[in-house]
Amino acid sequence: YSLVFTADSRFLISGADQEIRVWRWESILMLRDDSSSAAKSPPCAFELAIPRSPGPGGSLPPVAETNALAIDFRGPYLLAGCGDGHAYRFDLGGSAPTCVG
């Protein structure tokens, strides 16, 4: 499991067993300041899919867990080290973040 946030404080990003989820800080802070929201969770802004390549016979392997996350501020890119032995780079700069390598 891993947790990072972007330098501009727009996003809080978590990586877990099968997903990478992104939350907006403003949503988290709004819940914190709302006394009626004690049992609520902030809405996830979006999820990032860890790529999977078909194996022998065309079957897809299980989704790899996320072992480490880091932010490359030159992009801005999210770097994810995963349990399938690969690292992935997601572009967070566009309107729909995508895996770019």
Protein backbone atom coordinates (compact mmCIF):
# COMPACT_ATOMS: atom_id res chain seq x y z
CA TYR A 1 0.00 0.00 0.00
CA SER A 2 1.12 3.53 -0.68
CA LEU A 3 -0.09 7.10 -0.25
CA VAL A 4 1.13 10.33 -1.89
CA PHE A 5 -0.15 13.82 -2.54
CA THR A 6 0.61 16.29 -5.28
CA ALA A 7 2.71 19.39 -4.61
CA ASP A 8 -0.14 21.70 -5.63
CA SER A 9 -2.33 20.00 -2.99
CA ARG A 10 -5.00 19.12 -5.56
CA PHE A 11 -4.92 15.35 -5.07
CA LEU A 12 -4.41 12.66 -2.46
CA ILE A 13 -3.56 9.36 -4.16
CA SER A 14 -3.65 5.85 -2.69
CA GLY A 15 -2.51 2.54 -4.11
CA ALA A 16 -3.80 -0.74 -2.76
CA ASP A 17 -4.40 -4.34 -3.77
CA GLN A 18 -6.11 -3.78 -7.11
CA GLU A 19 -6.65 -0.09 -7.62
CA ILE A 20 -5.12 3.34 -7.53
CA ARG A 21 -7.64 5.90 -6.33
CA VAL A 22 -7.43 9.67 -6.49
CA TRP A 23 -9.28 12.10 -4.23
CA ARG A 24 -9.48 15.88 -4.41
CA TRP A 25 -8.19 17.56 -1.24
CA GLU A 26 -11.04 20.07 -1.39
CA SER A 27 -13.56 17.21 -1.04
CA ILE A 28 -11.71 15.84 1.97
CA LEU A 29 -11.50 19.24 3.63
CA MET A 30 -15.18 19.96 3.01
CA LEU A 31 -16.12 16.78 4.87
CA ARG A 32 -13.76 17.61 7.69
CA ASP A 33 -15.46 20.98 8.16
CA ASP A 34 -19.00 19.56 7.91
CA SER A 35 -20.10 18.26 11.33
CA SER A 36 -22.96 16.26 9.76
CA SER A 37 -20.54 14.19 7.66
CA ALA A 38 -18.82 12.22 10.45
CA ALA A 39 -19.60 8.82 8.90
CA LYS A 40 -19.18 9.83 5.26
CA SER A 41 -16.24 9.20 2.98
CA PRO A 42 -15.11 11.72 0.38
CA PRO A 43 -16.03 10.82 -3.18
CA CYS A 44 -13.24 9.32 -5.25
CA ALA A 45 -12.39 11.73 -8.10
CA PHE A 46 -11.22 8.88 -10.34
CA GLU A 47 -9.47 5.52 -10.42
CA LEU A 48 -6.42 4.60 -12.44
CA ALA A 49 -6.25 1.16 -14.01
CA ILE A 50 -3.03 -0.83 -13.76
CA PRO A 51 -2.45 -2.27 -17.24
CA ARG A 52 -2.67 -6.01 -17.82
CA SER A 53 -1.27 -7.86 -20.81
CA PRO A 54 -2.73 -11.15 -22.01
CA GLY A 55 -0.62 -14.15 -21.10
CA PRO A 56 -0.25 -17.45 -22.93
CA GLY A 57 -3.57 -18.50 -24.39
CA GLY A 58 -4.93 -14.95 -24.18
CA SER A 59 -5.96 -15.06 -20.54
CA LEU A 60 -5.53 -11.94 -18.41
CA PRO A 61 -3.51 -12.19 -15.21
CA PRO A 62 -4.91 -10.83 -11.93
CA VAL A 63 -4.62 -7.09 -11.38
CA ALA A 64 -1.27 -6.36 -9.74
CA GLU A 65 -1.11 -4.70 -6.34
CA THR A 66 0.48 -1.29 -5.94
CA ASN A 67 3.67 -1.46 -3.89
CA ALA A 68 4.91 2.13 -4.22
CA LEU A 69 3.75 5.51 -5.52
CA ALA A 70 5.75 8.63 -6.30
CA ILE A 71 5.09 11.93 -8.03
CA ASP A 72 7.30 13.15 -10.89
CA PHE A 73 6.65 16.88 -10.81
CA ARG A 74 7.99 17.44 -14.33
CA GLY A 75 4.79 15.95 -15.79
CA PRO A 76 2.93 15.92 -13.52
CA TYR A 77 3.17 12.16 -13.57
CA LEU A 78 2.26 9.53 -11.03
CA LEU A 79 4.77 6.67 -10.91
CA ALA A 80 3.48 3.32 -9.65
CA GLY A 81 5.62 0.30 -8.82
CA CYS A 82 3.41 -2.79 -8.98
CA GLY A 83 3.49 -6.43 -7.96
CA ASP A 84 3.76 -7.61 -11.55
CA GLY A 85 7.39 -6.41 -11.56
CA HIS A 86 6.64 -3.32 -13.67
CA ALA A 87 6.55 0.41 -13.03
CA TYR A 88 3.88 2.52 -14.71
CA ARG A 89 3.65 6.23 -15.36
CA PHE A 90 0.27 7.98 -15.36
CA ASP A 91 -0.19 11.47 -16.78
CA LEU A 92 -2.15 13.52 -14.22
CA GLY A 93 -2.08 16.70 -16.28
CA GLY A 94 -4.99 15.99 -18.61
CA SER A 95 -8.70 15.88 -18.00
CA ALA A 96 -8.64 12.06 -18.07
CA PRO A 97 -5.43 10.63 -16.54
CA THR A 98 -3.94 7.86 -18.64
CA CYS A 99 -1.13 5.36 -18.40
CA VAL A 100 1.69 6.59 -20.63
CA GLY A 101 4.31 3.94 -20.04
